[in-house]
Protein backbone atom coordinates (compact mmCIF):
# COMPACT_ATOMS: atom_id res chain seq x y z
CA MET A 1 75.06 -60.60 33.79
CA THR A 2 75.47 -56.90 34.30
CA ASN A 3 74.99 -55.31 37.58
CA ALA A 4 72.16 -53.77 37.97
CA PRO A 5 71.77 -49.74 37.90
CA ASP A 6 72.39 -48.11 41.37
CA PHE A 7 69.04 -47.19 42.51
CA ASN A 8 68.52 -44.46 45.51
CA LEU A 9 65.15 -44.63 46.74
CA ASP A 10 65.39 -41.52 49.42
CA ALA A 11 66.66 -39.35 46.56
CA GLU A 12 64.42 -40.50 44.02
CA LEU A 13 61.57 -39.93 46.18
CA GLU A 14 62.73 -36.22 47.54
CA ALA A 15 63.41 -35.51 43.61
CA THR A 16 60.11 -36.23 43.04
CA THR A 17 57.53 -36.08 45.63
CA GLY A 18 59.65 -33.26 48.04
CA TRP A 19 59.97 -35.91 50.84
CA ASP A 20 63.17 -37.11 52.52
CA ASP A 21 64.12 -39.69 54.45
CA GLU A 22 62.73 -38.40 57.39
CA ASP A 23 59.16 -38.14 56.04
CA ALA A 24 58.43 -41.77 54.84
CA PHE A 25 61.35 -43.91 53.97
CA THR A 26 64.53 -45.25 55.53
CA SER A 27 67.23 -47.04 53.96
CA GLY A 28 69.56 -49.14 56.14
CA TYR A 29 68.70 -50.26 59.55
CA ALA A 30 66.99 -47.91 62.11
CA ASP A 31 67.21 -47.96 65.81
CA GLU A 32 64.14 -49.31 67.71
CA PRO A 33 61.79 -47.11 68.19
CA ASP A 34 61.97 -45.04 71.58
CA PRO A 35 59.06 -46.19 74.08
CA GLU A 36 58.33 -42.68 75.44
CA ALA A 37 58.41 -40.93 72.32
CA PRO A 38 54.98 -39.69 70.87
CA SER A 39 53.33 -42.34 68.94
CA THR A 40 50.16 -43.13 66.87
CA GLY A 41 48.43 -46.21 68.40
CA ASP A 42 51.49 -48.17 69.64
CA GLN A 43 54.15 -47.36 66.99
CA ASP A 44 55.80 -44.21 66.35
CA LEU A 45 54.54 -42.78 63.07
CA ALA A 46 57.99 -42.80 61.70
CA GLU A 47 58.54 -46.51 62.27
CA ARG A 48 54.85 -47.13 60.68
CA HIS A 49 56.33 -45.29 57.31
CA ALA A 50 59.57 -46.65 57.31
CA LEU A 51 60.29 -49.25 54.29
CA ARG A 52 63.76 -50.82 55.83
CA ARG A 53 66.43 -51.98 53.10
CA VAL A 54 68.46 -55.04 54.36
CA VAL A 55 72.14 -54.61 53.84
CA GLY A 56 74.05 -57.68 52.31
CA LEU A 57 71.62 -59.97 51.35
CA ARG A 58 72.28 -59.72 47.62
CA THR A 59 73.74 -62.59 46.07
CA GLU A 60 74.62 -61.46 42.67
CA LEU A 61 77.58 -63.85 41.45
CA GLU A 62 80.67 -62.58 40.45
CA ASP A 63 82.49 -65.39 38.39
CA ILE A 64 81.23 -64.63 35.00
CA THR A 65 81.18 -68.65 33.91
CA GLU A 66 79.44 -69.22 36.97
CA VAL A 67 76.51 -66.16 36.12
CA GLU A 68 76.52 -67.31 32.49
CA TYR A 69 75.41 -70.75 33.74
CA ARG A 70 73.10 -69.78 36.48
CA GLN A 71 71.48 -67.05 34.51
CA LEU A 72 69.51 -69.42 32.35
CA ARG A 73 67.89 -70.99 35.70
CA LEU A 74 68.09 -68.57 38.67
CA GLU A 75 65.04 -66.34 39.29
CA ARG A 76 65.89 -62.88 40.02
CA VAL A 77 64.03 -61.86 43.57
CA VAL A 78 63.39 -58.95 45.74
CA LEU A 79 62.58 -60.25 49.27
CA VAL A 80 59.88 -58.51 51.11
CA GLY A 81 58.75 -58.60 54.77
CA VAL A 82 56.66 -57.04 57.63
CA TRP A 83 57.67 -56.76 60.86
CA THR A 84 55.23 -56.98 63.48
CA GLU A 85 56.69 -57.91 66.74
CA GLY A 86 59.87 -58.43 68.07
CA THR A 87 63.06 -56.75 67.99
CA VAL A 88 64.95 -55.17 64.95
CA ALA A 89 67.10 -58.45 65.16
CA ASP A 90 64.22 -60.63 64.75
CA ALA A 91 63.22 -59.07 61.86
CA GLU A 92 66.70 -59.31 60.25
CA ASN A 93 67.09 -62.59 61.30
CA SER A 94 63.83 -63.33 59.42
CA MET A 95 64.96 -62.12 56.42
CA ALA A 96 68.42 -63.58 56.30
CA GLU A 97 66.23 -66.93 56.62
CA LEU A 98 64.04 -65.98 53.74
CA ALA A 99 67.25 -65.24 51.87
CA LEU A 100 68.99 -68.96 52.39
CA LEU A 101 65.13 -70.28 51.60
CA ALA A 102 65.42 -68.39 48.15
CA GLU A 103 68.74 -69.20 47.00
CA THR A 104 68.00 -73.03 48.02
CA ALA A 105 65.47 -72.87 45.68
CA GLY A 106 67.77 -71.77 42.98
CA SER A 107 66.95 -67.65 43.19
CA GLU A 108 69.26 -64.80 43.31
CA VAL A 109 68.36 -62.13 45.67
CA LEU A 110 69.00 -58.37 44.58
CA GLU A 111 67.17 -56.51 47.32
CA ALA A 112 65.66 -57.12 50.50
CA VAL A 113 63.10 -54.61 52.34
CA TYR A 114 60.91 -54.67 55.10
CA GLN A 115 58.06 -52.37 56.79
CA ARG A 116 57.32 -51.84 60.79
CA ARG A 117 53.46 -52.34 60.77
CA GLN A 118 50.85 -53.64 63.34
CA LYS A 119 49.74 -56.25 61.37
CA PRO A 120 49.95 -57.03 57.33
CA ASP A 121 47.68 -54.93 55.20
CA PRO A 122 44.55 -57.05 54.26
CA ALA A 123 44.77 -56.07 50.79
CA THR A 124 48.49 -55.92 49.78
CA TYR A 125 50.48 -56.85 52.84
CA VAL A 126 52.77 -54.15 53.00
CA GLY A 127 50.76 -50.55 53.31
CA ARG A 128 49.39 -49.37 49.78
CA GLY A 129 52.18 -46.58 49.97
CA LYS A 130 54.88 -48.92 50.34
CA VAL A 131 53.76 -51.06 47.16
CA ASP A 132 54.71 -47.70 44.75
CA GLY A 133 58.35 -47.92 46.52
CA ILE A 134 58.72 -51.62 45.91
CA LYS A 135 57.67 -51.45 42.17
CA GLU A 136 60.35 -49.07 41.70
CA ILE A 137 62.70 -51.24 43.31
CA VAL A 138 61.52 -54.22 41.21
CA ASP A 139 61.93 -52.07 37.78
CA ALA A 140 65.46 -50.51 38.75
CA THR A 141 66.90 -54.11 39.60
CA GLY A 142 65.18 -56.34 36.78
CA ALA A 143 63.54 -58.38 39.33
CA ASP A 144 61.26 -61.03 38.13
CA THR A 145 59.67 -62.35 41.10
CA VAL A 146 59.02 -60.80 44.62
CA ILE A 147 58.92 -63.14 47.60
CA LEU A 148 57.17 -62.06 50.95
CA ASP A 149 58.03 -63.48 54.31
CA GLY A 150 54.69 -64.97 55.29
CA GLU A 151 51.52 -66.77 54.20
CA LEU A 152 49.61 -64.25 52.28
CA ALA A 153 46.10 -64.79 51.32
CA PRO A 154 44.78 -65.15 47.42
CA SER A 155 43.75 -61.91 47.51
CA GLN A 156 46.87 -60.12 48.83
CA LEU A 157 48.94 -62.27 46.13
CA ARG A 158 46.48 -60.98 43.11
CA ASN A 159 46.63 -57.15 44.28
CA LEU A 160 50.59 -57.50 44.40
CA GLU A 161 50.77 -58.86 41.01
CA ASP A 162 48.25 -56.63 39.44
CA LYS A 163 50.32 -53.71 40.82
CA LEU A 164 54.13 -55.00 40.95
CA LYS A 165 53.59 -56.43 37.18
CA VAL A 166 55.74 -59.57 38.40
CA LYS A 167 55.00 -62.59 39.97
CA ALA A 168 54.29 -62.80 43.82
CA VAL A 169 55.38 -65.86 45.86
CA ASP A 170 55.08 -66.45 49.61
CA ARG A 171 56.92 -68.01 52.20
CA THR A 172 55.00 -71.14 51.80
CA ALA A 173 55.18 -71.44 48.28
CA LEU A 174 58.56 -70.65 48.41
CA ILE A 175 59.31 -73.78 51.51
CA LEU A 176 56.86 -75.72 49.05
CA ASP A 177 59.04 -75.49 46.11
CA ILE A 178 62.13 -76.64 47.73
CA PHE A 179 60.50 -79.46 49.14
CA ALA A 180 59.31 -80.65 45.53
CA GLN A 181 63.01 -80.07 44.35
CA HIS A 182 64.53 -82.08 47.06
CA ALA A 183 62.01 -85.23 47.55
CA LYS A 184 63.40 -88.49 46.21
CA SER A 185 61.22 -91.07 47.41
CA LYS A 186 57.99 -92.16 45.73
CA GLU A 187 56.64 -91.42 49.51
CA GLY A 188 58.28 -87.88 49.61
CA GLN A 189 57.38 -86.79 46.25
CA ALA A 190 53.80 -87.95 47.24
CA GLN A 191 53.55 -85.89 50.24
CA VAL A 192 55.05 -82.59 48.71
CA GLU A 193 52.50 -82.71 45.75
CA LEU A 194 49.92 -83.20 48.20
CA ALA A 195 50.67 -80.44 49.91
CA GLN A 196 51.29 -78.55 46.79
CA LEU A 197 47.96 -79.24 45.74
CA GLN A 198 46.01 -78.08 48.84
CA TYR A 199 47.91 -75.30 49.01
CA MET A 200 46.99 -74.41 45.14
CA LYS A 201 43.18 -75.53 45.37
CA GLN A 202 42.91 -72.23 47.45
CA ARG A 203 44.71 -69.72 45.25
CA LEU A 204 43.51 -70.77 41.75
CA ARG A 205 43.58 -67.68 39.96
CA GLY A 206 44.25 -66.20 36.06
CA TRP A 207 45.00 -63.39 34.30
CA GLY A 208 41.48 -61.07 32.65
CA GLY A 209 39.37 -63.47 34.64
CA ASN A 210 39.86 -66.20 32.21
CA LEU A 211 39.03 -68.67 34.95
CA SER A 212 35.49 -67.47 35.64
CA ARG A 213 34.66 -67.90 31.39
CA GLN A 214 32.10 -71.10 31.30
CA ALA A 215 33.00 -73.56 28.88
CA GLY A 216 29.65 -73.32 27.11
CA GLY A 217 28.87 -73.07 23.28
CA ARG A 218 31.41 -73.75 20.58
CA VAL A 219 34.55 -74.24 22.65
CA GLY A 220 36.40 -76.10 19.87
CA ALA A 221 38.65 -73.77 19.96
CA ASP A 222 39.44 -73.86 23.48
CA GLY A 223 39.77 -77.73 24.01
CA GLY A 224 36.61 -78.24 24.97
CA GLY A 225 35.07 -80.45 22.08
CA ILE A 226 32.36 -83.05 22.14
CA GLY A 227 30.97 -83.01 25.99
CA GLY A 228 32.45 -79.85 26.82
CA ARG A 229 29.65 -77.71 24.88
CA GLY A 230 26.45 -76.02 26.69
CA PRO A 231 26.63 -74.37 30.05
CA GLY A 232 29.16 -76.31 31.72
CA GLU A 233 31.50 -75.48 34.40
CA THR A 234 33.75 -72.31 34.74
CA LYS A 235 37.48 -72.87 34.20
CA ILE A 236 38.23 -72.56 37.85
CA GLU A 237 35.87 -74.87 38.91
CA THR A 238 36.98 -77.46 36.48
CA ASP A 239 40.59 -76.86 37.69
CA ARG A 240 39.39 -77.51 41.56
CA ARG A 241 37.31 -80.67 40.47
CA ARG A 242 41.03 -81.88 38.93
CA ILE A 243 42.85 -80.98 41.77
CA ASN A 244 40.31 -82.73 44.34
CA ASP A 245 40.68 -85.88 42.31
CA LYS A 246 44.23 -85.78 42.54
CA ILE A 247 44.04 -85.07 45.96
CA ALA A 248 41.95 -88.14 46.78
CA LYS A 249 44.30 -90.14 44.56
CA LEU A 250 47.45 -89.51 46.70
CA ARG A 251 45.84 -89.78 49.55
CA ARG A 252 44.90 -92.97 48.79
CA ASP A 253 48.23 -94.00 47.67
CA LEU A 254 49.83 -92.59 50.48
CA LYS A 255 47.51 -94.80 53.06
CA HIS A 256 49.51 -97.46 51.61
CA MET A 257 52.57 -96.49 51.87
CA VAL A 258 51.77 -95.75 55.43
CA GLY A 259 50.88 -99.16 55.99
CA THR A 260 54.35 -100.14 54.88
CA ARG A 261 56.19 -97.93 57.34
CA GLU A 262 53.36 -99.14 60.23
CA THR A 263 54.22 -102.61 59.74
CA LYS A 264 57.99 -101.77 59.98
CA ARG A 265 57.40 -99.66 63.36
CA ALA A 266 54.80 -102.60 64.79
CA GLU A 267 57.45 -105.06 64.08
CA ARG A 268 60.19 -103.32 66.14
CA ARG A 269 57.51 -102.34 68.71
CA ARG A 270 56.83 -106.19 69.03
CA ASN A 271 60.62 -106.92 69.34
CA ALA A 272 60.54 -104.22 71.92
CA ILE A 273 63.56 -102.53 70.23
CA PRO A 274 64.14 -98.69 71.48
CA SER A 275 64.11 -96.02 69.12
CA VAL A 276 65.58 -92.60 69.03
CA ALA A 277 64.47 -90.04 66.73
CA ILE A 278 66.74 -87.03 65.56
CA ALA A 279 64.86 -83.73 65.18
CA GLY A 280 65.48 -80.05 64.73
CA TYR A 281 65.47 -77.15 62.89
CA THR A 282 66.53 -77.45 58.89
CA ASN A 283 70.46 -77.56 58.77
CA ALA A 284 71.43 -78.01 62.27
CA GLY A 285 73.65 -81.08 61.29
CA LYS A 286 70.83 -83.93 62.01
CA SER A 287 72.45 -86.28 59.16
CA SER A 288 76.24 -85.53 60.08
CA LEU A 289 75.36 -86.27 63.69
CA LEU A 290 73.40 -89.70 62.23
CA ASN A 291 76.50 -90.56 60.75
CA ARG A 292 78.66 -89.93 63.25
CA LEU A 293 76.35 -91.88 65.76
CA THR A 294 75.87 -95.06 63.76
CA ASP A 295 78.09 -94.70 60.28
CA ALA A 296 75.06 -94.21 58.33
CA GLY A 297 76.65 -92.65 55.47
CA VAL A 298 73.29 -90.53 54.45
CA LEU A 299 73.87 -87.55 52.48
CA VAL A 300 75.19 -84.51 53.89
CA GLU A 301 75.23 -81.17 52.53
CA ASP A 302 75.19 -77.67 53.79
CA SER A 303 71.85 -76.42 52.67
CA LEU A 304 68.28 -76.03 53.94
CA PHE A 305 66.14 -79.50 53.73
CA ALA A 306 68.68 -81.64 51.99
CA THR A 307 66.92 -84.25 53.94
CA LEU A 308 63.41 -84.99 53.45
CA ASP A 309 63.26 -88.73 53.29
CA PRO A 310 63.52 -90.35 56.85
CA THR A 311 66.40 -92.46 57.28
CA THR A 312 66.61 -95.13 60.01
CA ARG A 313 69.53 -97.15 61.26
CA ARG A 314 70.14 -100.24 63.54
CA THR A 315 72.71 -99.89 65.86
CA THR A 316 73.97 -101.27 69.46
CA THR A 317 74.70 -100.01 72.87
CA ALA A 318 78.27 -100.15 74.37
CA ASP A 319 76.54 -103.40 76.22
CA GLY A 320 75.02 -104.84 73.17
CA ARG A 321 71.32 -103.67 73.77
CA VAL A 322 69.69 -103.48 69.99
CA TYR A 323 68.04 -99.58 68.89
CA THR A 324 67.13 -97.92 66.08
CA MET A 325 68.10 -94.33 65.24
CA SER A 326 65.95 -92.43 62.85
CA ASP A 327 67.30 -88.85 60.89
CA THR A 328 63.98 -86.99 60.10
CA VAL A 329 62.97 -83.78 57.71
CA GLY A 330 64.03 -80.35 59.58
CA PHE A 331 61.47 -77.69 60.79
CA VAL A 332 61.61 -74.56 59.94
CA ARG A 333 59.87 -70.97 61.36
CA HIS A 334 56.46 -70.81 60.31
CA LEU A 335 56.38 -74.18 58.57
CA PRO A 336 53.26 -74.87 56.14
CA HIS A 337 50.42 -76.44 57.88
CA GLN A 338 49.94 -78.29 54.49
CA LEU A 339 53.39 -79.82 55.03
CA VAL A 340 52.75 -80.57 58.54
CA GLU A 341 49.53 -82.52 57.33
CA ALA A 342 51.16 -84.19 54.16
CA PHE A 343 54.16 -85.38 56.48
CA ARG A 344 52.26 -86.54 59.04
CA SER A 345 53.25 -90.42 58.55
CA THR A 346 56.96 -89.47 58.12
CA LEU A 347 56.68 -87.21 61.31
CA GLU A 348 55.04 -90.24 63.33
CA GLU A 349 58.54 -91.37 63.28
CA VAL A 350 59.41 -88.65 66.07
CA ALA A 351 55.98 -89.05 67.96
CA ASP A 352 56.52 -92.53 68.42
CA ALA A 353 60.29 -92.50 69.42
CA ASP A 354 61.02 -93.56 72.72
CA LEU A 355 63.71 -90.69 72.94
CA ILE A 356 64.07 -87.48 70.76
CA LEU A 357 67.16 -85.78 69.66
CA HIS A 358 66.61 -82.10 69.60
CA VAL A 359 69.89 -80.94 67.52
CA VAL A 360 70.63 -77.25 67.69
CA ASP A 361 72.63 -75.02 65.56
CA GLY A 362 74.98 -73.54 68.48
CA SER A 363 76.71 -71.27 65.68
CA HIS A 364 73.45 -70.13 64.75
CA SER A 365 72.74 -65.98 65.29
CA ASP A 366 69.21 -67.31 67.24
CA PRO A 367 69.49 -70.58 68.64
CA GLU A 368 66.79 -69.69 70.93
CA GLY A 369 64.53 -69.13 68.43
CA GLN A 370 64.98 -72.10 66.57
CA ILE A 371 64.21 -74.54 69.57
CA ALA A 372 61.19 -72.52 70.01
CA ALA A 373 60.07 -73.25 66.23
CA VAL A 374 61.01 -77.08 66.58
CA ARG A 375 58.97 -77.61 69.64
CA GLU A 376 55.95 -75.76 68.25
CA VAL A 377 55.83 -78.21 65.53
CA LEU A 378 56.64 -81.23 68.01
CA ALA A 379 53.54 -80.19 70.06
CA GLU A 380 51.68 -79.71 66.42
CA ILE A 381 52.32 -83.52 65.98
CA GLU A 382 51.73 -84.64 69.25
CA ALA A 383 55.41 -85.57 70.30
CA ASP A 384 56.04 -83.29 72.99
CA LYS A 385 55.20 -85.76 75.86
CA VAL A 386 58.29 -87.75 74.59
CA PRO A 387 61.95 -87.41 76.44
CA GLU A 388 63.95 -84.60 74.96
CA LEU A 389 67.88 -84.54 75.10
CA VAL A 390 68.79 -80.96 73.44
CA VAL A 391 72.27 -81.78 71.48
CA ILE A 392 73.72 -78.67 70.85
CA ASN A 393 75.91 -79.01 67.53
CA LYS A 394 78.83 -76.93 65.81
CA ALA A 395 80.39 -76.40 68.78
CA ASP A 396 83.50 -76.04 66.72
CA ALA A 397 82.23 -72.91 64.93
CA ALA A 398 79.56 -71.87 68.32
CA ASP A 399 80.98 -68.83 70.36
CA PRO A 400 81.64 -70.34 74.11
CA MET A 401 79.38 -67.32 75.81
CA VAL A 402 76.65 -68.95 73.27
CA LEU A 403 77.38 -72.57 74.19
CA ALA A 404 77.27 -71.29 77.94
CA ARG A 405 73.66 -69.46 77.72
CA LEU A 406 72.24 -72.59 75.81
CA ARG A 407 73.76 -75.23 78.59
CA GLN A 408 72.09 -72.92 81.41
CA ARG A 409 68.72 -72.48 79.25
CA GLU A 410 68.72 -76.01 78.54
CA PRO A 411 70.29 -78.00 81.61
CA HIS A 412 69.38 -81.33 79.83
CA SER A 413 71.65 -80.93 77.10
CA VAL A 414 75.12 -81.77 75.38
CA VAL A 415 77.68 -79.96 73.38
CA VAL A 416 78.76 -81.80 70.19
CA SER A 417 80.63 -81.23 67.04
CA ALA A 418 79.80 -83.57 64.65
CA ARG A 419 82.32 -82.34 61.76
CA THR A 420 84.98 -82.94 64.78
CA GLY A 421 83.83 -85.64 66.83
CA GLU A 422 83.85 -83.46 69.76
CA GLY A 423 81.36 -84.57 72.59
CA ILE A 424 80.07 -87.62 70.43
CA ALA A 425 80.93 -90.25 73.31
CA GLU A 426 79.37 -88.28 75.61
CA ALA A 427 75.93 -87.79 73.99
CA LEU A 428 76.25 -91.70 73.27
CA ALA A 429 76.59 -92.63 76.63
CA THR A 430 73.73 -90.23 77.83
CA VAL A 431 71.37 -91.52 75.03
CA GLU A 432 72.36 -94.83 76.01
CA SER A 433 71.52 -94.05 79.68
CA GLU A 434 68.13 -92.77 78.77
CA LEU A 435 66.97 -95.61 76.55
CA PRO A 436 64.13 -97.39 78.12
CA ARG A 437 65.02 -100.29 80.70
CA PRO A 438 63.10 -103.78 80.59
CA GLU A 439 60.58 -103.68 83.28
CA VAL A 440 60.99 -107.24 84.67
CA SER A 441 63.54 -108.32 86.67
CA PHE A 442 64.53 -112.27 86.40
CA GLU A 443 67.50 -114.55 88.48
CA VAL A 444 68.14 -117.88 86.16
CA LEU A 445 69.88 -120.78 85.32
CA LEU A 446 70.22 -121.42 81.66
CA PRO A 447 71.50 -124.68 80.22
CA TYR A 448 74.46 -124.13 77.92
CA GLU A 449 72.40 -125.63 74.76
CA ARG A 450 70.21 -122.11 75.49
CA GLY A 451 72.93 -120.14 74.34
CA ASP A 452 70.30 -118.34 72.11
CA LEU A 453 68.51 -117.19 75.42
CA ILE A 454 71.45 -115.59 76.12
CA ASN A 455 72.28 -113.90 72.89
CA ARG A 456 68.80 -112.41 73.33
CA LEU A 457 69.42 -111.09 76.81
CA HIS A 458 72.41 -109.27 75.51
CA GLN A 459 70.69 -107.65 72.42
CA LYS A 460 66.86 -107.02 74.16
CA GLY A 461 67.71 -107.31 77.80
CA GLU A 462 69.79 -106.02 80.33
CA ILE A 463 72.12 -108.51 82.07
CA GLU A 464 73.59 -107.50 85.85
CA SER A 465 75.51 -110.63 86.51
CA LEU A 466 76.69 -113.56 84.45
CA GLU A 467 78.35 -116.64 86.31
CA HIS A 468 79.24 -120.43 84.09
CA THR A 469 78.51 -122.84 86.70
CA ALA A 470 78.56 -126.98 86.18
CA ASP A 471 74.72 -126.79 85.78
CA GLY A 472 74.98 -123.79 83.22
CA THR A 473 74.85 -120.21 83.06
CA ARG A 474 73.50 -118.30 86.25
CA VAL A 475 72.37 -114.76 84.73
CA THR A 476 70.45 -111.87 86.69
CA GLY A 477 69.19 -108.75 84.94
CA ARG A 478 66.02 -107.40 83.51
CA ALA A 479 63.85 -108.28 80.38
CA HIS A 480 60.99 -107.40 78.49
CA GLU A 481 57.71 -108.96 79.41
CA ASP A 482 57.51 -111.39 76.41
CA LEU A 483 61.24 -112.65 77.07
CA ALA A 484 60.87 -112.85 80.77
CA GLY A 485 58.19 -114.97 79.95
CA GLU A 486 60.44 -117.43 78.11
CA LEU A 487 62.79 -117.58 81.25
CA ALA A 488 60.34 -118.02 83.76
CA ALA A 489 61.26 -122.14 83.24
CA TYR A 490 64.85 -121.53 84.25
CA ALA A 491 64.28 -119.43 87.13
CA LEU A 492 65.69 -119.58 90.54
């Protein structure tokens, strides 16, 4: 693979239009607008006209053997964003995350640009004049795909493809593609396919208006054949009907799978087994933490959305009480609504938990933004009322000042490193202390032949004192209502 030719957008514009970089485009990061400077509306005119290059996000490979291997499967992409609110750092963090998502999907990022606007353009997302600048970047770099940092309307995608002559993909489609690559279980694959079909149904389109052509007349050459002649459906109507049929089938299949998951949850509730759910931003270290806490042995990978299929492990407290701990799918900013709906049965593991371990990447450039994004999804699945313990992970790689800031912002938190084991003992002790306690106090004298009750008390109750006497075992403590009922016959 040869390097793309050097391309100077500012020089090209100055040569062809007489504009310099102060008129329309700026390269690199510009300072935030001065609030006292003259402005049009709420923003400075120069800010509105700036199409900014994001430096350092190009991911072209250097090793020739790796290049030859990956060139066969990688899409070459240009990233485009619209910055509507927040600081320059917020815009850069969002673009950096989009680059990570693109790489996770198997793409090579060639260039990344964003524009400051009050709101995205309703026709082309970026300003109409900036589309020409993006097309020059696409042509110069040889990109075959443009990825937009937002959820675009079908008309916006169509308009951009018409003007850029390459494929346009929005953030939602990119995340759906990653989920499709990583789903392993039958349920996970069905959930992703359902989300993709729901997204696709609203965005059916084709080149040259071929989707609006009716299947009437002699259509043998088009594959219609017998039964397809006459004033039938348009192709887009046929495709939409097929998608609706497939969605209905997937919903039926998932309903059956949900029944199996609900049966397992009901069994845990009936046996009064507390549950802990590990939730958090993607790649925050949730699976590593589960492995460290329970020796689960689940896949750990330094990539976004490595875990899509939830894993539940049974474990015990230091005093012998049994509880479960579940790893769940990671969240991300602007997680597509279709995914939240499709994965609702999986995410119910979080909503039904007795305690949420909210894992945060302490080494990330914007951990507060990750916390806000996760809590937004937790509220959407009605899990925001579940008790929460913030676990600040990756302490070995984090700035101590950032850790101190997070601890002050989140007083109910612990700092750990799932990689080195730092803080794990404190985290476990905190989890065990916050598990729901049995509600009924008891004091009983159990015959020695009822060792089974002693064992169940160790697993599902709390033993405060235990004394072996000549008449049996004297026990005081707390138990759940069903177990307390069995103990009532031996009450003192």
